[in-house]
Amino acid sequence: MTTPTYDQTDASSIEKFGQILRGSTLRKKSGVEEIPPEDQEATEGRNFKGKFGEIIEKYYYGINPGNKACIPDFREAGIELKTNSLIKKNGKWKAKERLALGVINYHDIVSETFEESCFIRKNGRMMLVSRRYVKDGVFIDSLIGFAQLICYDELPPNEQLQIRRDWETIVEMVRNGRAHELSSSQTKYLEASPKGKSGIKNRSQQFSEEMAQHRGFALKQPYMTSLMTRYLEGNLQYLERDEEAALPDAADVQERGFEGAILNRFEEFLGHTVEEIESKVGSPSSRSAKGYLAALARAMLNVKTRKIAEFERANIYLKTILVHENGKPQEHISF
């Protein structure tokens, strides 16, 4: 049998070689190297964490780059090889977890700019191969559901802006000596994800004597699900039937940021009654309908669907509560 080949220096060749796997398995599609017997029976589970990625790297693509902080796996092509798993929920395939993108060095990062950062040099272009997760399933029998070259500079402008702002938010905290206060909830798409045992703070930082938890960059699970869905649809602007974008204008996000742009949309309604708001945006449904206030809030954002695309990607939940003229809420808010 002829050993399959590809060009390690060419992005298109790397992508096409990976896409041979789509809809098939590593057992059925031969790679550059033969998978040794001990790895042919490796299964999902804690004992084999990272094993699927290792198999794809060493045996399918035939590379052994090591985990170098700022250098992508396909050095000459400038492409990082990443793998993740997919799970089925409510009839749809979704990313099982966040996509890890390398550790955060609390000392080196303080002098970086986004354009020249270790993060963007390593992850600016990624070849992502995703398997469908089966509990206790054998890796090489896992069906490959996604294989795609993902380029930061080809993402929609709003998403490029948000990822950049997320990176800058994380870096600014480190520069202010607050690496020990980092949290995944502080950003929208790109997060400072905890690594190692939860809560243990054993990493020094440049501008504080406080020890910080070991963290790495990662794209959040909801954002990865949205991104992969849109790539499979062949359109990065694709929206599900029950969702609309609240911020289609990249200039608005660039000027005010994500939160600022959203709050600016609500600003014109401050101090208005429900009736006055309805006179401006219309009545989305009967006032007695469940979720009416949430529908009215979405209408203020010019969204008529049940979901707001940017909120879904950032895992943001819209909560509403009716407030009397004296400022007191009519009821408790649920979480």
Protein backbone atom coordinates (compact mmCIF):
# COMPACT_ATOMS: atom_id res chain seq x y z
CA MET A 1 0.00 0.00 0.00
CA THR A 2 1.32 3.44 -0.96
CA THR A 3 2.03 5.74 1.98
CA PRO A 4 -0.04 8.93 1.63
CA THR A 5 1.92 12.16 1.39
CA TYR A 6 1.37 15.90 1.66
CA ASP A 7 3.47 19.07 1.72
CA GLN A 8 4.29 20.18 5.28
CA THR A 9 5.18 23.66 4.04
CA ASP A 10 1.87 24.31 2.25
CA ALA A 11 -1.30 25.29 4.12
CA SER A 12 -3.67 23.99 1.44
CA SER A 13 -1.92 20.62 1.33
CA ILE A 14 -2.07 20.29 5.13
CA GLU A 15 -5.78 21.10 5.13
CA LYS A 16 -6.65 18.74 2.26
CA PHE A 17 -4.71 15.91 3.88
CA GLY A 18 -6.64 16.42 7.13
CA GLN A 19 -9.98 16.56 5.33
CA ILE A 20 -9.40 13.06 3.96
CA LEU A 21 -10.36 11.93 7.47
CA ARG A 22 -13.75 13.65 7.50
CA GLY A 23 -16.55 11.11 7.76
CA SER A 24 -14.06 8.30 8.36
CA THR A 25 -11.67 7.06 11.06
CA LEU A 26 -7.94 6.71 11.64
CA ARG A 27 -8.28 2.94 11.36
CA LYS A 28 -9.75 3.24 7.85
CA LYS A 29 -7.59 6.10 6.55
CA SER A 30 -3.84 5.54 6.62
CA GLY A 31 -1.49 8.31 7.65
CA VAL A 32 2.20 8.92 7.04
CA GLU A 33 3.27 6.51 9.80
CA GLU A 34 1.79 3.24 11.00
CA ILE A 35 0.06 3.45 14.37
CA PRO A 36 1.81 1.09 16.84
CA PRO A 37 -0.28 -1.69 18.45
CA GLU A 38 -0.21 -0.11 21.92
CA ASP A 39 -1.84 3.07 20.59
CA GLN A 40 -4.41 1.25 18.46
CA GLU A 41 -6.36 0.30 21.59
CA ALA A 42 -6.10 3.66 23.40
CA THR A 43 -9.53 4.81 24.55
CA GLU A 44 -11.29 7.93 25.82
CA GLY A 45 -10.48 8.57 29.46
CA ARG A 46 -8.16 10.30 31.90
CA ASN A 47 -5.35 7.80 31.38
CA PHE A 48 -5.09 8.75 27.72
CA LYS A 49 -5.58 12.51 27.90
CA GLY A 50 -3.97 14.10 24.85
CA LYS A 51 -3.48 10.72 23.16
CA PHE A 52 -5.80 11.44 20.21
CA GLY A 53 -3.86 14.60 19.39
CA GLU A 54 -0.60 12.69 19.66
CA ILE A 55 -1.84 10.02 17.25
CA ILE A 56 -2.97 12.61 14.71
CA GLU A 57 0.33 14.46 15.04
CA LYS A 58 2.86 11.61 15.06
CA TYR A 59 1.21 8.97 12.94
CA TYR A 60 -1.31 10.64 10.64
CA TYR A 61 0.67 13.78 9.81
CA GLY A 62 4.04 12.24 10.67
CA ILE A 63 5.40 15.21 12.62
CA ASN A 64 6.95 15.45 16.07
CA PRO A 65 7.38 19.18 16.75
CA GLY A 66 7.23 19.10 20.55
CA ASN A 67 5.16 21.64 22.44
CA LYS A 68 7.13 24.83 21.77
CA ALA A 69 5.52 27.91 23.27
CA CYS A 70 5.57 30.36 20.35
CA ILE A 71 6.29 28.12 17.36
CA PRO A 72 3.45 26.41 15.44
CA ASP A 73 3.64 22.67 14.75
CA PHE A 74 4.04 23.14 10.99
CA ARG A 75 6.73 25.78 11.34
CA GLU A 76 7.31 26.54 7.67
CA ALA A 77 3.59 26.77 6.90
CA GLY A 78 2.86 28.73 10.08
CA ILE A 79 0.09 26.33 11.16
CA GLU A 80 -0.69 24.89 14.57
CA LEU A 81 -2.28 21.41 14.68
CA LYS A 82 -5.16 21.14 17.18
CA THR A 83 -7.66 18.43 18.03
CA ASN A 84 -10.85 18.32 20.08
CA SER A 85 -13.95 16.20 20.54
CA LEU A 86 -17.62 16.65 19.66
CA ILE A 87 -20.69 15.58 21.62
CA LYS A 88 -24.31 15.39 20.50
CA LYS A 89 -26.85 17.49 22.41
CA ASN A 90 -30.44 18.09 21.38
CA GLY A 91 -29.76 16.50 18.02
CA LYS A 92 -26.77 18.76 17.23
CA TRP A 93 -23.03 18.17 17.39
CA LYS A 94 -21.22 20.62 19.66
CA ALA A 95 -17.69 21.15 20.91
CA LYS A 96 -17.31 19.04 24.05
CA GLU A 97 -15.06 21.58 25.75
CA ARG A 98 -12.98 24.71 25.28
CA LEU A 99 -10.07 24.63 22.82
CA ALA A 100 -6.77 25.07 24.68
CA LEU A 101 -4.30 27.39 22.92
CA GLY A 102 -1.15 27.34 25.04
CA VAL A 103 -0.05 28.52 28.47
CA ILE A 104 0.10 32.14 29.61
CA ASN A 105 3.58 33.21 30.65
CA TYR A 106 2.94 35.94 33.24
CA HIS A 107 6.43 37.40 32.71
CA ASP A 108 6.93 37.43 28.96
CA ILE A 109 3.41 38.50 28.00
CA VAL A 110 3.64 41.95 29.62
CA SER A 111 5.93 43.23 26.85
CA GLU A 112 3.96 41.78 23.95
CA THR A 113 1.64 43.43 21.45
CA PHE A 114 -1.25 41.42 20.06
CA GLU A 115 0.10 41.42 16.49
CA GLU A 116 3.50 40.08 17.56
CA SER A 117 2.29 38.02 20.52
CA CYS A 118 3.27 34.44 21.19
CA PHE A 119 -0.46 33.66 21.10
CA ILE A 120 -1.06 34.92 17.56
CA ARG A 121 2.25 33.59 16.20
CA LYS A 122 1.33 30.10 17.36
CA ASN A 123 -2.45 30.11 16.90
CA GLY A 124 -3.10 32.61 14.11
CA ARG A 125 -3.67 29.68 11.75
CA MET A 126 -4.85 26.33 13.11
CA MET A 127 -5.60 23.00 11.49
CA LEU A 128 -8.39 21.59 13.68
CA VAL A 129 -9.35 17.91 13.56
CA SER A 130 -12.38 16.90 15.65
CA ARG A 131 -13.62 13.44 16.59
CA ARG A 132 -17.09 12.42 17.72
CA TYR A 133 -16.83 11.48 21.38
CA VAL A 134 -17.98 8.03 22.48
CA LYS A 135 -17.54 7.07 26.13
CA ASP A 136 -14.75 4.49 26.41
CA GLY A 137 -14.48 4.58 22.62
CA VAL A 138 -11.23 3.61 20.86
CA PHE A 139 -9.57 6.71 19.42
CA ILE A 140 -8.72 5.30 16.02
CA ASP A 141 -12.35 4.14 15.60
CA SER A 142 -13.76 7.60 16.40
CA LEU A 143 -15.54 9.18 13.46
CA ILE A 144 -13.91 12.43 12.37
CA GLY A 145 -16.66 15.05 12.13
CA PHE A 146 -14.60 18.16 11.40
CA ALA A 147 -11.28 18.95 9.72
CA GLN A 148 -10.66 22.57 8.83
CA LEU A 149 -7.98 25.23 8.60
CA ILE A 150 -9.10 28.12 10.83
CA CYS A 151 -7.42 31.48 10.27
CA TYR A 152 -7.80 34.40 12.67
CA ASP A 153 -7.60 36.99 9.91
CA GLU A 154 -10.44 35.29 8.00
CA LEU A 155 -12.90 35.43 10.90
CA PRO A 156 -15.72 38.02 10.76
CA PRO A 157 -14.36 41.46 11.79
CA ASN A 158 -16.49 41.56 14.97
CA GLU A 159 -15.00 38.28 16.15
CA GLN A 160 -11.45 39.33 15.37
CA LEU A 161 -12.05 42.48 17.41
CA GLN A 162 -13.53 40.57 20.34
CA ILE A 163 -10.73 37.98 20.47
CA ARG A 164 -8.20 40.80 20.39
CA ARG A 165 -10.04 42.68 23.18
CA ASP A 166 -10.21 39.49 25.24
CA TRP A 167 -6.44 39.02 24.85
CA GLU A 168 -5.84 42.66 25.80
CA THR A 169 -8.10 42.33 28.87
CA ILE A 170 -6.10 39.35 30.11
CA VAL A 171 -2.75 41.00 29.41
CA GLU A 172 -3.78 44.27 31.06
CA MET A 173 -4.63 42.41 34.27
CA VAL A 174 -1.21 40.74 34.24
CA ARG A 175 0.48 44.12 33.64
CA ASN A 176 -1.42 45.52 36.61
CA GLY A 177 -0.15 42.74 38.87
CA ARG A 178 -3.54 41.03 38.98
CA ALA A 179 -2.81 37.69 37.35
CA HIS A 180 -4.06 36.04 40.56
CA GLU A 181 -7.50 37.62 39.92
CA LEU A 182 -7.92 36.29 36.38
CA SER A 183 -11.18 34.49 35.66
CA SER A 184 -12.83 32.95 32.61
CA SER A 185 -15.88 35.15 33.19
CA GLN A 186 -13.95 38.35 32.43
CA THR A 187 -13.85 37.77 28.68
CA LYS A 188 -16.22 36.76 25.89
CA TYR A 189 -14.63 34.37 23.36
CA LEU A 190 -10.99 33.94 24.43
CA GLU A 191 -10.46 33.06 28.08
CA ALA A 192 -7.70 32.60 30.61
CA SER A 193 -8.52 28.99 31.35
CA PRO A 194 -7.28 27.34 34.58
CA LYS A 195 -4.80 24.51 34.19
CA GLY A 196 -3.77 21.87 36.69
CA LYS A 197 -5.43 21.34 40.06
CA SER A 198 -8.20 23.80 40.78
CA GLY A 199 -7.38 26.75 43.01
CA ILE A 200 -3.66 26.07 43.40
CA LYS A 201 -1.67 29.28 42.94
CA ASN A 202 1.95 28.42 42.22
CA ARG A 203 2.96 30.73 39.36
CA SER A 204 4.90 33.96 39.90
CA GLN A 205 3.96 37.14 38.05
CA GLN A 206 5.97 40.15 36.94
CA PHE A 207 4.36 42.97 38.88
CA SER A 208 3.09 41.42 42.09
CA GLU A 209 4.35 39.17 44.84
CA GLU A 210 1.00 37.35 44.82
CA MET A 211 1.22 33.87 43.34
CA ALA A 212 -1.23 33.18 40.52
CA GLN A 213 -3.00 30.08 39.25
CA HIS A 214 -1.51 28.37 36.22
CA ARG A 215 -3.63 29.41 33.20
CA GLY A 216 -3.65 29.11 29.45
CA PHE A 217 -5.45 30.76 26.58
CA ALA A 218 -8.52 28.93 25.28
CA LEU A 219 -11.46 29.59 22.98
CA LYS A 220 -14.65 29.04 24.95
CA GLN A 221 -16.82 26.02 24.24
CA PRO A 222 -19.92 27.94 23.00
CA TYR A 223 -17.80 30.01 20.64
CA MET A 224 -16.07 26.89 19.29
CA THR A 225 -19.45 25.24 18.69
CA SER A 226 -20.67 28.28 16.75
CA LEU A 227 -17.45 28.58 14.76
CA MET A 228 -17.37 24.92 13.76
CA THR A 229 -21.06 24.98 12.79
CA ARG A 230 -20.49 27.97 10.54
CA TYR A 231 -17.47 26.38 8.87
CA LEU A 232 -19.50 23.24 8.17
CA GLU A 233 -22.22 25.42 6.66
CA GLY A 234 -19.59 27.01 4.43
CA ASN A 235 -20.46 30.52 5.65
CA LEU A 236 -18.87 32.27 8.64
CA GLN A 237 -21.84 34.70 8.68
CA TYR A 238 -24.29 31.80 9.02
CA LEU A 239 -26.94 32.12 11.73
CA GLU A 240 -29.21 29.41 13.11
CA ARG A 241 -32.88 29.80 12.21
CA ASP A 242 -33.73 30.91 15.75
CA GLU A 243 -30.93 33.48 16.20
CA GLU A 244 -29.97 36.95 14.97
CA ALA A 245 -26.93 39.14 15.47
CA ALA A 246 -27.34 42.17 17.74
CA LEU A 247 -24.11 43.81 16.59
CA PRO A 248 -23.66 43.32 12.85
CA ASP A 249 -21.63 46.53 12.53
CA ALA A 250 -17.95 45.96 13.33
CA ALA A 251 -17.36 49.72 13.63
CA ASP A 252 -19.78 49.88 16.57
CA VAL A 253 -17.84 47.17 18.42
CA GLN A 254 -14.49 48.74 17.55
CA GLU A 255 -15.60 52.10 18.91
CA ARG A 256 -17.32 50.98 22.11
CA GLY A 257 -16.35 47.37 22.68
CA PHE A 258 -18.84 44.50 23.01
CA GLU A 259 -20.43 45.57 26.30
CA GLY A 260 -20.36 49.26 25.42
CA ALA A 261 -22.10 48.62 22.11
CA ILE A 262 -24.82 46.52 23.79
CA LEU A 263 -25.38 49.04 26.59
CA ASN A 264 -25.53 51.85 24.04
CA ARG A 265 -28.47 50.08 22.37
CA PHE A 266 -30.35 50.02 25.66
CA GLU A 267 -29.49 53.59 26.64
CA GLU A 268 -32.29 55.25 24.69
CA PHE A 269 -34.85 53.20 26.63
CA LEU A 270 -33.63 54.11 30.13
CA GLY A 271 -36.38 55.62 32.27
CA HIS A 272 -39.14 54.52 29.88
CA THR A 273 -42.18 52.47 30.76
CA VAL A 274 -43.03 49.18 29.09
CA GLU A 275 -45.73 50.99 27.10
CA GLU A 276 -43.26 53.62 25.88
CA ILE A 277 -40.75 50.97 24.88
CA GLU A 278 -43.47 49.07 23.01
CA SER A 279 -44.36 52.24 21.10
CA LYS A 280 -40.77 52.34 19.79
CA VAL A 281 -40.01 48.71 19.07
CA GLY A 282 -43.45 47.15 18.84
CA SER A 283 -44.95 44.42 20.96
CA PRO A 284 -43.14 41.11 20.32
CA SER A 285 -46.01 39.06 21.78
CA SER A 286 -48.81 39.18 24.32
CA ARG A 287 -47.76 40.68 27.65
CA SER A 288 -49.13 37.63 29.41
CA ALA A 289 -46.85 35.35 27.41
CA LYS A 290 -44.01 33.64 29.26
CA GLY A 291 -40.74 35.37 28.47
CA TYR A 292 -42.41 38.55 27.26
CA LEU A 293 -39.93 40.89 29.00
CA ALA A 294 -37.00 38.96 27.54
CA ALA A 295 -38.56 39.23 24.07
CA LEU A 296 -39.02 42.98 24.60
CA ALA A 297 -35.39 43.32 25.66
CA ARG A 298 -34.28 41.49 22.53
CA ALA A 299 -36.48 43.81 20.46
CA MET A 300 -34.58 46.76 21.96
CA LEU A 301 -31.48 45.19 20.40
CA ASN A 302 -33.38 44.81 17.12
CA VAL A 303 -33.40 41.04 17.52
CA LYS A 304 -36.67 39.29 16.79
CA THR A 305 -35.53 35.71 17.30
CA ARG A 306 -35.30 33.69 20.52
CA LYS A 307 -31.48 33.75 20.55
CA ILE A 308 -28.91 36.51 20.23
CA ALA A 309 -25.95 35.16 18.25
CA GLU A 310 -23.23 37.03 20.16
CA PHE A 311 -24.74 36.04 23.52
CA GLU A 312 -24.85 32.38 22.49
CA ARG A 313 -21.18 32.42 21.46
CA ALA A 314 -20.10 34.13 24.68
CA ASN A 315 -22.38 32.03 26.94
CA ILE A 316 -24.25 35.16 28.12
CA TYR A 317 -27.73 34.74 29.55
CA LEU A 318 -30.27 37.53 29.14
CA LYS A 319 -32.13 38.15 32.40
CA THR A 320 -34.99 40.64 32.81
CA ILE A 321 -36.95 41.99 35.74
CA LEU A 322 -39.76 44.53 35.99
CA VAL A 323 -38.95 47.54 38.19
CA HIS A 324 -41.53 49.92 39.71
CA GLU A 325 -41.23 53.70 39.42
CA ASN A 326 -39.71 53.86 42.91
CA GLY A 327 -36.85 51.66 41.73
CA LYS A 328 -37.94 48.54 43.59
CA PRO A 329 -38.16 45.28 41.62
CA GLN A 330 -41.55 43.62 41.31
CA GLU A 331 -40.07 40.20 42.03
CA HIS A 332 -36.84 38.36 42.75
CA ILE A 333 -34.58 37.52 39.85
CA SER A 334 -33.77 33.85 39.35
CA PHE A 335 -30.34 32.44 38.51
